[in-house]
mmCIF file of all heavy atoms, coordinates in Angstrom:
data_MODEL
# 
_entry.id   MODEL 
# 
loop_
_atom_site.group_PDB 
_atom_site.id 
_atom_site.type_symbol 
_atom_site.label_atom_id 
_atom_site.label_alt_id 
_atom_site.label_comp_id 
_atom_site.label_asym_id 
_atom_site.label_entity_id 
_atom_site.label_seq_id 
_atom_site.pdbx_PDB_ins_code 
_atom_site.Cartn_x 
_atom_site.Cartn_y 
_atom_site.Cartn_z 
_atom_site.occupancy 
_atom_site.B_iso_or_equiv 
_atom_site.pdbx_formal_charge 
_atom_site.auth_seq_id 
_atom_site.auth_comp_id 
_atom_site.auth_asym_id 
_atom_site.auth_atom_id 
_atom_site.pdbx_PDB_model_num 
ATOM 1   N N   . ALA A 1 1  ? 0.816   -1.230 -0.007  1.00 0.00 ? 1  ALA A N   1 
ATOM 2   C CA  . ALA A 1 1  ? 0.000   -0.001 -0.009  1.00 0.00 ? 1  ALA A CA  1 
ATOM 3   C C   . ALA A 1 1  ? 0.849   1.263  0.009   1.00 0.00 ? 1  ALA A C   1 
ATOM 4   O O   . ALA A 1 1  ? 0.336   2.349  -0.309  1.00 0.00 ? 1  ALA A O   1 
ATOM 5   C CB  . ALA A 1 1  ? -0.926  -0.001 1.224   1.00 0.00 ? 1  ALA A CB  1 
ATOM 6   N N   . SER A 1 2  ? 2.120   1.148  0.313   1.00 0.00 ? 2  SER A N   1 
ATOM 7   C CA  . SER A 1 2  ? 2.945   2.341  0.533   1.00 0.00 ? 2  SER A CA  1 
ATOM 8   C C   . SER A 1 2  ? 3.036   3.230  -0.698  1.00 0.00 ? 2  SER A C   1 
ATOM 9   O O   . SER A 1 2  ? 2.682   4.410  -0.662  1.00 0.00 ? 2  SER A O   1 
ATOM 10  C CB  . SER A 1 2  ? 4.335   1.910  0.988   1.00 0.00 ? 2  SER A CB  1 
ATOM 11  O OG  . SER A 1 2  ? 5.224   3.016  1.032   1.00 0.00 ? 2  SER A OG  1 
ATOM 12  N N   . LEU A 1 3  ? 3.508   2.698  -1.801  1.00 0.00 ? 3  LEU A N   1 
ATOM 13  C CA  . LEU A 1 3  ? 3.650   3.530  -3.005  1.00 0.00 ? 3  LEU A CA  1 
ATOM 14  C C   . LEU A 1 3  ? 2.288   3.971  -3.533  1.00 0.00 ? 3  LEU A C   1 
ATOM 15  O O   . LEU A 1 3  ? 2.150   5.084  -4.051  1.00 0.00 ? 3  LEU A O   1 
ATOM 16  C CB  . LEU A 1 3  ? 4.410   2.783  -4.083  1.00 0.00 ? 3  LEU A CB  1 
ATOM 17  C CG  . LEU A 1 3  ? 4.754   3.603  -5.358  1.00 0.00 ? 3  LEU A CG  1 
ATOM 18  C CD1 . LEU A 1 3  ? 5.632   4.804  -4.993  1.00 0.00 ? 3  LEU A CD1 1 
ATOM 19  C CD2 . LEU A 1 3  ? 5.440   2.727  -6.387  1.00 0.00 ? 3  LEU A CD2 1 
ATOM 20  N N   . ILE A 1 4  ? 1.280   3.125  -3.358  1.00 0.00 ? 4  ILE A N   1 
ATOM 21  C CA  . ILE A 1 4  ? -0.084  3.511  -3.763  1.00 0.00 ? 4  ILE A CA  1 
ATOM 22  C C   . ILE A 1 4  ? -0.500  4.730  -2.976  1.00 0.00 ? 4  ILE A C   1 
ATOM 23  O O   . ILE A 1 4  ? -1.186  5.627  -3.513  1.00 0.00 ? 4  ILE A O   1 
ATOM 24  C CB  . ILE A 1 4  ? -1.047  2.336  -3.550  1.00 0.00 ? 4  ILE A CB  1 
ATOM 25  C CG1 . ILE A 1 4  ? -0.717  1.214  -4.535  1.00 0.00 ? 4  ILE A CG1 1 
ATOM 26  C CG2 . ILE A 1 4  ? -2.504  2.786  -3.719  1.00 0.00 ? 4  ILE A CG2 1 
ATOM 27  C CD1 . ILE A 1 4  ? -1.513  -0.071 -4.312  1.00 0.00 ? 4  ILE A CD1 1 
ATOM 28  N N   . SER A 1 5  ? -0.081  4.844  -1.705  1.00 0.00 ? 5  SER A N   1 
ATOM 29  C CA  . SER A 1 5  ? -0.462  6.006  -0.909  1.00 0.00 ? 5  SER A CA  1 
ATOM 30  C C   . SER A 1 5  ? 0.078   7.293  -1.482  1.00 0.00 ? 5  SER A C   1 
ATOM 31  O O   . SER A 1 5  ? -0.529  8.349  -1.332  1.00 0.00 ? 5  SER A O   1 
ATOM 32  C CB  . SER A 1 5  ? -0.041  5.817  0.548   1.00 0.00 ? 5  SER A CB  1 
ATOM 33  O OG  . SER A 1 5  ? 1.340   6.034  0.744   1.00 0.00 ? 5  SER A OG  1 
ATOM 34  N N   . ARG A 1 6  ? 1.268   7.236  -2.111  1.00 0.00 ? 6  ARG A N   1 
ATOM 35  C CA  . ARG A 1 6  ? 1.809   8.426  -2.762  1.00 0.00 ? 6  ARG A CA  1 
ATOM 36  C C   . ARG A 1 6  ? 0.803   8.979  -3.775  1.00 0.00 ? 6  ARG A C   1 
ATOM 37  O O   . ARG A 1 6  ? 0.538   10.190 -3.850  1.00 0.00 ? 6  ARG A O   1 
ATOM 38  C CB  . ARG A 1 6  ? 3.120   8.111  -3.468  1.00 0.00 ? 6  ARG A CB  1 
ATOM 39  C CG  . ARG A 1 6  ? 3.796   9.288  -4.141  1.00 0.00 ? 6  ARG A CG  1 
ATOM 40  C CD  . ARG A 1 6  ? 4.960   8.841  -5.037  1.00 0.00 ? 6  ARG A CD  1 
ATOM 41  N NE  . ARG A 1 6  ? 4.499   8.270  -6.296  1.00 0.00 ? 6  ARG A NE  1 
ATOM 42  C CZ  . ARG A 1 6  ? 5.310   7.842  -7.271  1.00 0.00 ? 6  ARG A CZ  1 
ATOM 43  N NH1 . ARG A 1 6  ? 6.637   7.931  -7.102  1.00 0.00 ? 6  ARG A NH1 1 
ATOM 44  N NH2 . ARG A 1 6  ? 4.853   7.345  -8.397  1.00 0.00 ? 6  ARG A NH2 1 
ATOM 45  N N   . GLU A 1 7  ? 0.254   8.051  -4.584  1.00 0.00 ? 7  GLU A N   1 
ATOM 46  C CA  . GLU A 1 7  ? -0.696  8.463  -5.615  1.00 0.00 ? 7  GLU A CA  1 
ATOM 47  C C   . GLU A 1 7  ? -2.015  8.946  -5.030  1.00 0.00 ? 7  GLU A C   1 
ATOM 48  O O   . GLU A 1 7  ? -2.589  9.928  -5.501  1.00 0.00 ? 7  GLU A O   1 
ATOM 49  C CB  . GLU A 1 7  ? -0.944  7.292  -6.562  1.00 0.00 ? 7  GLU A CB  1 
ATOM 50  C CG  . GLU A 1 7  ? 0.324   6.746  -7.211  1.00 0.00 ? 7  GLU A CG  1 
ATOM 51  C CD  . GLU A 1 7  ? 0.998   7.807  -8.066  1.00 0.00 ? 7  GLU A CD  1 
ATOM 52  O OE1 . GLU A 1 7  ? 0.386   8.319  -9.001  1.00 0.00 ? 7  GLU A OE1 1 
ATOM 53  O OE2 . GLU A 1 7  ? 2.177   8.134  -7.777  1.00 0.00 ? 7  GLU A OE2 1 
ATOM 54  N N   . LEU A 1 8  ? -2.474  8.263  -3.997  1.00 0.00 ? 8  LEU A N   1 
ATOM 55  C CA  . LEU A 1 8  ? -3.745  8.659  -3.390  1.00 0.00 ? 8  LEU A CA  1 
ATOM 56  C C   . LEU A 1 8  ? -3.648  9.987  -2.669  1.00 0.00 ? 8  LEU A C   1 
ATOM 57  O O   . LEU A 1 8  ? -4.606  10.790 -2.657  1.00 0.00 ? 8  LEU A O   1 
ATOM 58  C CB  . LEU A 1 8  ? -4.230  7.569  -2.433  1.00 0.00 ? 8  LEU A CB  1 
ATOM 59  C CG  . LEU A 1 8  ? -4.745  6.288  -3.100  1.00 0.00 ? 8  LEU A CG  1 
ATOM 60  C CD1 . LEU A 1 8  ? -5.088  5.235  -2.044  1.00 0.00 ? 8  LEU A CD1 1 
ATOM 61  C CD2 . LEU A 1 8  ? -5.963  6.568  -3.974  1.00 0.00 ? 8  LEU A CD2 1 
ATOM 62  N N   . ILE A 1 9  ? -2.517  10.262 -2.062  1.00 0.00 ? 9  ILE A N   1 
ATOM 63  C CA  . ILE A 1 9  ? -2.315  11.568 -1.432  1.00 0.00 ? 9  ILE A CA  1 
ATOM 64  C C   . ILE A 1 9  ? -2.356  12.669 -2.477  1.00 0.00 ? 9  ILE A C   1 
ATOM 65  O O   . ILE A 1 9  ? -3.056  13.671 -2.341  1.00 0.00 ? 9  ILE A O   1 
ATOM 66  C CB  . ILE A 1 9  ? -0.972  11.594 -0.661  1.00 0.00 ? 9  ILE A CB  1 
ATOM 67  C CG1 . ILE A 1 9  ? -1.061  10.715 0.583   1.00 0.00 ? 9  ILE A CG1 1 
ATOM 68  C CG2 . ILE A 1 9  ? -0.597  13.022 -0.267  1.00 0.00 ? 9  ILE A CG2 1 
ATOM 69  C CD1 . ILE A 1 9  ? 0.275   10.417 1.237   1.00 0.00 ? 9  ILE A CD1 1 
ATOM 70  N N   . ALA A 1 10 ? -1.605  12.459 -3.575  1.00 0.00 ? 10 ALA A N   1 
ATOM 71  C CA  . ALA A 1 10 ? -1.608  13.453 -4.645  1.00 0.00 ? 10 ALA A CA  1 
ATOM 72  C C   . ALA A 1 10 ? -3.003  13.616 -5.203  1.00 0.00 ? 10 ALA A C   1 
ATOM 73  O O   . ALA A 1 10 ? -3.454  14.761 -5.449  1.00 0.00 ? 10 ALA A O   1 
ATOM 74  C CB  . ALA A 1 10 ? -0.635  13.017 -5.747  1.00 0.00 ? 10 ALA A CB  1 
ATOM 75  N N   . ASP A 1 11 ? -3.713  12.517 -5.437  1.00 0.00 ? 11 ASP A N   1 
ATOM 76  C CA  . ASP A 1 11 ? -5.078  12.584 -5.988  1.00 0.00 ? 11 ASP A CA  1 
ATOM 77  C C   . ASP A 1 11 ? -6.017  13.345 -5.044  1.00 0.00 ? 11 ASP A C   1 
ATOM 78  O O   . ASP A 1 11 ? -6.803  14.185 -5.489  1.00 0.00 ? 11 ASP A O   1 
ATOM 79  C CB  . ASP A 1 11 ? -5.622  11.172 -6.217  1.00 0.00 ? 11 ASP A CB  1 
ATOM 80  C CG  . ASP A 1 11 ? -4.957  10.439 -7.369  1.00 0.00 ? 11 ASP A CG  1 
ATOM 81  O OD1 . ASP A 1 11 ? -4.191  11.075 -8.119  1.00 0.00 ? 11 ASP A OD1 1 
ATOM 82  O OD2 . ASP A 1 11 ? -5.196  9.237  -7.521  1.00 0.00 ? 11 ASP A OD2 1 
ATOM 83  N N   . SER A 1 12 ? -5.923  13.034 -3.745  1.00 0.00 ? 12 SER A N   1 
ATOM 84  C CA  . SER A 1 12 ? -6.909  13.630 -2.822  1.00 0.00 ? 12 SER A CA  1 
ATOM 85  C C   . SER A 1 12 ? -6.678  15.108 -2.643  1.00 0.00 ? 12 SER A C   1 
ATOM 86  O O   . SER A 1 12 ? -7.614  15.902 -2.587  1.00 0.00 ? 12 SER A O   1 
ATOM 87  C CB  . SER A 1 12 ? -6.847  12.894 -1.452  1.00 0.00 ? 12 SER A CB  1 
ATOM 88  O OG  . SER A 1 12 ? -5.595  13.084 -0.823  1.00 0.00 ? 12 SER A OG  1 
ATOM 89  N N   . VAL A 1 13 ? -5.406  15.516 -2.553  1.00 0.00 ? 13 VAL A N   1 
ATOM 90  C CA  . VAL A 1 13 ? -5.117  16.946 -2.415  1.00 0.00 ? 13 VAL A CA  1 
ATOM 91  C C   . VAL A 1 13 ? -5.500  17.711 -3.680  1.00 0.00 ? 13 VAL A C   1 
ATOM 92  O O   . VAL A 1 13 ? -6.068  18.808 -3.617  1.00 0.00 ? 13 VAL A O   1 
ATOM 93  C CB  . VAL A 1 13 ? -3.624  17.172 -2.067  1.00 0.00 ? 13 VAL A CB  1 
ATOM 94  C CG1 . VAL A 1 13 ? -3.285  18.668 -2.034  1.00 0.00 ? 13 VAL A CG1 1 
ATOM 95  C CG2 . VAL A 1 13 ? -3.295  16.535 -0.718  1.00 0.00 ? 13 VAL A CG2 1 
ATOM 96  N N   . GLU A 1 14 ? -5.220  17.108 -4.814  1.00 0.00 ? 14 GLU A N   1 
ATOM 97  C CA  . GLU A 1 14 ? -5.628  17.732 -6.083  1.00 0.00 ? 14 GLU A CA  1 
ATOM 98  C C   . GLU A 1 14 ? -7.134  17.890 -6.142  1.00 0.00 ? 14 GLU A C   1 
ATOM 99  O O   . GLU A 1 14 ? -7.654  18.951 -6.545  1.00 0.00 ? 14 GLU A O   1 
ATOM 100 C CB  . GLU A 1 14 ? -5.137  16.868 -7.266  1.00 0.00 ? 14 GLU A CB  1 
ATOM 101 C CG  . GLU A 1 14 ? -5.558  17.391 -8.623  1.00 0.00 ? 14 GLU A CG  1 
ATOM 102 C CD  . GLU A 1 14 ? -5.281  16.415 -9.770  1.00 0.00 ? 14 GLU A CD  1 
ATOM 103 O OE1 . GLU A 1 14 ? -4.878  15.270 -9.494  1.00 0.00 ? 14 GLU A OE1 1 
ATOM 104 O OE2 . GLU A 1 14 ? -5.495  16.819 -10.922 1.00 0.00 ? 14 GLU A OE2 1 
ATOM 105 N N   . LEU A 1 15 ? -7.874  16.844 -5.753  1.00 0.00 ? 15 LEU A N   1 
ATOM 106 C CA  . LEU A 1 15 ? -9.337  16.885 -5.851  1.00 0.00 ? 15 LEU A CA  1 
ATOM 107 C C   . LEU A 1 15 ? -9.926  17.948 -4.913  1.00 0.00 ? 15 LEU A C   1 
ATOM 108 O O   . LEU A 1 15 ? -10.800 18.719 -5.330  1.00 0.00 ? 15 LEU A O   1 
ATOM 109 C CB  . LEU A 1 15 ? -9.919  15.510 -5.489  1.00 0.00 ? 15 LEU A CB  1 
ATOM 110 C CG  . LEU A 1 15 ? -9.964  14.490 -6.633  1.00 0.00 ? 15 LEU A CG  1 
ATOM 111 C CD1 . LEU A 1 15 ? -10.419 13.137 -6.115  1.00 0.00 ? 15 LEU A CD1 1 
ATOM 112 C CD2 . LEU A 1 15 ? -10.898 14.967 -7.763  1.00 0.00 ? 15 LEU A CD2 1 
ATOM 113 N N   . VAL A 1 16 ? -9.474  17.972 -3.655  1.00 0.00 ? 16 VAL A N   1 
ATOM 114 C CA  . VAL A 1 16 ? -10.034 18.952 -2.718  1.00 0.00 ? 16 VAL A CA  1 
ATOM 115 C C   . VAL A 1 16 ? -9.682  20.380 -3.168  1.00 0.00 ? 16 VAL A C   1 
ATOM 116 O O   . VAL A 1 16 ? -10.534 21.273 -3.138  1.00 0.00 ? 16 VAL A O   1 
ATOM 117 C CB  . VAL A 1 16 ? -9.519  18.692 -1.271  1.00 0.00 ? 16 VAL A CB  1 
ATOM 118 C CG1 . VAL A 1 16 ? -9.992  19.800 -0.345  1.00 0.00 ? 16 VAL A CG1 1 
ATOM 119 C CG2 . VAL A 1 16 ? -10.002 17.333 -0.779  1.00 0.00 ? 16 VAL A CG2 1 
ATOM 120 N N   . SER A 1 17 ? -8.459  20.596 -3.592  1.00 0.00 ? 17 SER A N   1 
ATOM 121 C CA  . SER A 1 17 ? -8.063  21.923 -4.037  1.00 0.00 ? 17 SER A CA  1 
ATOM 122 C C   . SER A 1 17 ? -8.871  22.378 -5.239  1.00 0.00 ? 17 SER A C   1 
ATOM 123 O O   . SER A 1 17 ? -9.254  23.549 -5.335  1.00 0.00 ? 17 SER A O   1 
ATOM 124 C CB  . SER A 1 17 ? -6.569  21.924 -4.395  1.00 0.00 ? 17 SER A CB  1 
ATOM 125 O OG  . SER A 1 17 ? -5.775  21.498 -3.324  1.00 0.00 ? 17 SER A OG  1 
ATOM 126 N N   . PHE A 1 18 ? -9.123  21.448 -6.148  1.00 0.00 ? 18 PHE A N   1 
ATOM 127 C CA  . PHE A 1 18 ? -9.891  21.749 -7.339  1.00 0.00 ? 18 PHE A CA  1 
ATOM 128 C C   . PHE A 1 18 ? -11.373 21.972 -6.984  1.00 0.00 ? 18 PHE A C   1 
ATOM 129 O O   . PHE A 1 18 ? -12.005 22.952 -7.392  1.00 0.00 ? 18 PHE A O   1 
ATOM 130 C CB  . PHE A 1 18 ? -9.777  20.604 -8.363  1.00 0.00 ? 18 PHE A CB  1 
ATOM 131 C CG  . PHE A 1 18 ? -10.629 20.731 -9.560  1.00 0.00 ? 18 PHE A CG  1 
ATOM 132 C CD1 . PHE A 1 18 ? -10.258 21.557 -10.632 1.00 0.00 ? 18 PHE A CD1 1 
ATOM 133 C CD2 . PHE A 1 18 ? -11.835 20.037 -9.646  1.00 0.00 ? 18 PHE A CD2 1 
ATOM 134 C CE1 . PHE A 1 18 ? -11.074 21.679 -11.749 1.00 0.00 ? 18 PHE A CE1 1 
ATOM 135 C CE2 . PHE A 1 18 ? -12.667 20.154 -10.766 1.00 0.00 ? 18 PHE A CE2 1 
ATOM 136 C CZ  . PHE A 1 18 ? -12.282 20.982 -11.824 1.00 0.00 ? 18 PHE A CZ  1 
ATOM 137 N N   . GLY A 1 19 ? -11.925 21.044 -6.206  1.00 0.00 ? 19 GLY A N   1 
ATOM 138 C CA  . GLY A 1 19 ? -13.353 21.110 -5.888  1.00 0.00 ? 19 GLY A CA  1 
ATOM 139 C C   . GLY A 1 19 ? -13.750 22.281 -5.046  1.00 0.00 ? 19 GLY A C   1 
ATOM 140 O O   . GLY A 1 19 ? -14.828 22.857 -5.219  1.00 0.00 ? 19 GLY A O   1 
ATOM 141 N N   . GLU A 1 20 ? -12.877 22.688 -4.112  1.00 0.00 ? 20 GLU A N   1 
ATOM 142 C CA  . GLU A 1 20 ? -13.206 23.760 -3.191  1.00 0.00 ? 20 GLU A CA  1 
ATOM 143 C C   . GLU A 1 20 ? -12.671 25.106 -3.646  1.00 0.00 ? 20 GLU A C   1 
ATOM 144 O O   . GLU A 1 20 ? -12.781 26.099 -2.944  1.00 0.00 ? 20 GLU A O   1 
ATOM 145 C CB  . GLU A 1 20 ? -12.675 23.427 -1.796  1.00 0.00 ? 20 GLU A CB  1 
ATOM 146 C CG  . GLU A 1 20 ? -13.243 22.117 -1.237  1.00 0.00 ? 20 GLU A CG  1 
ATOM 147 C CD  . GLU A 1 20 ? -14.755 22.104 -1.144  1.00 0.00 ? 20 GLU A CD  1 
ATOM 148 O OE1 . GLU A 1 20 ? -15.350 23.109 -0.693  1.00 0.00 ? 20 GLU A OE1 1 
ATOM 149 O OE2 . GLU A 1 20 ? -15.361 21.100 -1.546  1.00 0.00 ? 20 GLU A OE2 1 
ATOM 150 N N   . ARG A 1 21 ? -12.038 25.155 -4.830  1.00 0.00 ? 21 ARG A N   1 
ATOM 151 C CA  . ARG A 1 21 ? -11.577 26.385 -5.473  1.00 0.00 ? 21 ARG A CA  1 
ATOM 152 C C   . ARG A 1 21 ? -10.565 27.144 -4.633  1.00 0.00 ? 21 ARG A C   1 
ATOM 153 O O   . ARG A 1 21 ? -10.638 28.360 -4.422  1.00 0.00 ? 21 ARG A O   1 
ATOM 154 C CB  . ARG A 1 21 ? -12.751 27.326 -5.827  1.00 0.00 ? 21 ARG A CB  1 
ATOM 155 C CG  . ARG A 1 21 ? -13.948 26.627 -6.444  1.00 0.00 ? 21 ARG A CG  1 
ATOM 156 C CD  . ARG A 1 21 ? -13.552 25.709 -7.605  1.00 0.00 ? 21 ARG A CD  1 
ATOM 157 N NE  . ARG A 1 21 ? -13.134 26.431 -8.799  1.00 0.00 ? 21 ARG A NE  1 
ATOM 158 C CZ  . ARG A 1 21 ? -12.304 25.914 -9.717  1.00 0.00 ? 21 ARG A CZ  1 
ATOM 159 N NH1 . ARG A 1 21 ? -11.834 24.690 -9.564  1.00 0.00 ? 21 ARG A NH1 1 
ATOM 160 N NH2 . ARG A 1 21 ? -11.976 26.619 -10.761 1.00 0.00 ? 21 ARG A NH2 1 
ATOM 161 N N   . MET A 1 22 ? -9.568  26.424 -4.130  1.00 0.00 ? 22 MET A N   1 
ATOM 162 C CA  . MET A 1 22 ? -8.538  27.026 -3.290  1.00 0.00 ? 22 MET A CA  1 
ATOM 163 C C   . MET A 1 22 ? -7.561  27.873 -4.113  1.00 0.00 ? 22 MET A C   1 
ATOM 164 O O   . MET A 1 22 ? -7.373  27.650 -5.303  1.00 0.00 ? 22 MET A O   1 
ATOM 165 C CB  . MET A 1 22 ? -7.829  25.971 -2.501  1.00 0.00 ? 22 MET A CB  1 
ATOM 166 C CG  . MET A 1 22 ? -8.735  25.348 -1.446  1.00 0.00 ? 22 MET A CG  1 
ATOM 167 S SD  . MET A 1 22 ? -8.011  24.022 -0.503  1.00 0.00 ? 22 MET A SD  1 
ATOM 168 C CE  . MET A 1 22 ? -9.375  23.716 0.634   1.00 0.00 ? 22 MET A CE  1 
ATOM 169 N N   . ASP A 1 23 ? -6.920  28.817 -3.430  1.00 0.00 ? 23 ASP A N   1 
ATOM 170 C CA  . ASP A 1 23 ? -6.000  29.729 -4.097  1.00 0.00 ? 23 ASP A CA  1 
ATOM 171 C C   . ASP A 1 23 ? -4.534  29.365 -3.907  1.00 0.00 ? 23 ASP A C   1 
ATOM 172 O O   . ASP A 1 23 ? -3.674  29.797 -4.679  1.00 0.00 ? 23 ASP A O   1 
ATOM 173 C CB  . ASP A 1 23 ? -6.196  31.152 -3.566  1.00 0.00 ? 23 ASP A CB  1 
ATOM 174 C CG  . ASP A 1 23 ? -7.619  31.643 -3.774  1.00 0.00 ? 23 ASP A CG  1 
ATOM 175 O OD1 . ASP A 1 23 ? -8.129  31.562 -4.924  1.00 0.00 ? 23 ASP A OD1 1 
ATOM 176 O OD2 . ASP A 1 23 ? -8.246  32.089 -2.787  1.00 0.00 ? 23 ASP A OD2 1 
ATOM 177 N N   . GLY A 1 24 ? -4.220  28.616 -2.875  1.00 0.00 ? 24 GLY A N   1 
ATOM 178 C CA  . GLY A 1 24 ? -2.852  28.258 -2.591  1.00 0.00 ? 24 GLY A CA  1 
ATOM 179 C C   . GLY A 1 24 ? -2.837  27.111 -1.600  1.00 0.00 ? 24 GLY A C   1 
ATOM 180 O O   . GLY A 1 24 ? -3.873  26.698 -1.064  1.00 0.00 ? 24 GLY A O   1 
ATOM 181 N N   . LEU A 1 25 ? -1.627  26.591 -1.325  1.00 0.00 ? 25 LEU A N   1 
ATOM 182 C CA  . LEU A 1 25 ? -1.491  25.418 -0.464  1.00 0.00 ? 25 LEU A CA  1 
ATOM 183 C C   . LEU A 1 25 ? -0.274  25.519 0.451   1.00 0.00 ? 25 LEU A C   1 
ATOM 184 O O   . LEU A 1 25 ? 0.763   26.063 0.044   1.00 0.00 ? 25 LEU A O   1 
ATOM 185 C CB  . LEU A 1 25 ? -1.341  24.142 -1.306  1.00 0.00 ? 25 LEU A CB  1 
ATOM 186 C CG  . LEU A 1 25 ? -2.508  23.689 -2.164  1.00 0.00 ? 25 LEU A CG  1 
ATOM 187 C CD1 . LEU A 1 25 ? -2.057  22.582 -3.123  1.00 0.00 ? 25 LEU A CD1 1 
ATOM 188 C CD2 . LEU A 1 25 ? -3.687  23.234 -1.308  1.00 0.00 ? 25 LEU A CD2 1 
# 
């Protein structure tokens, strides 16, 4: 699960930032 978590972290942060219309991180 370890390397898969790298992808899921990237996916989840991308999705929340996109969906909630954030300006920075």
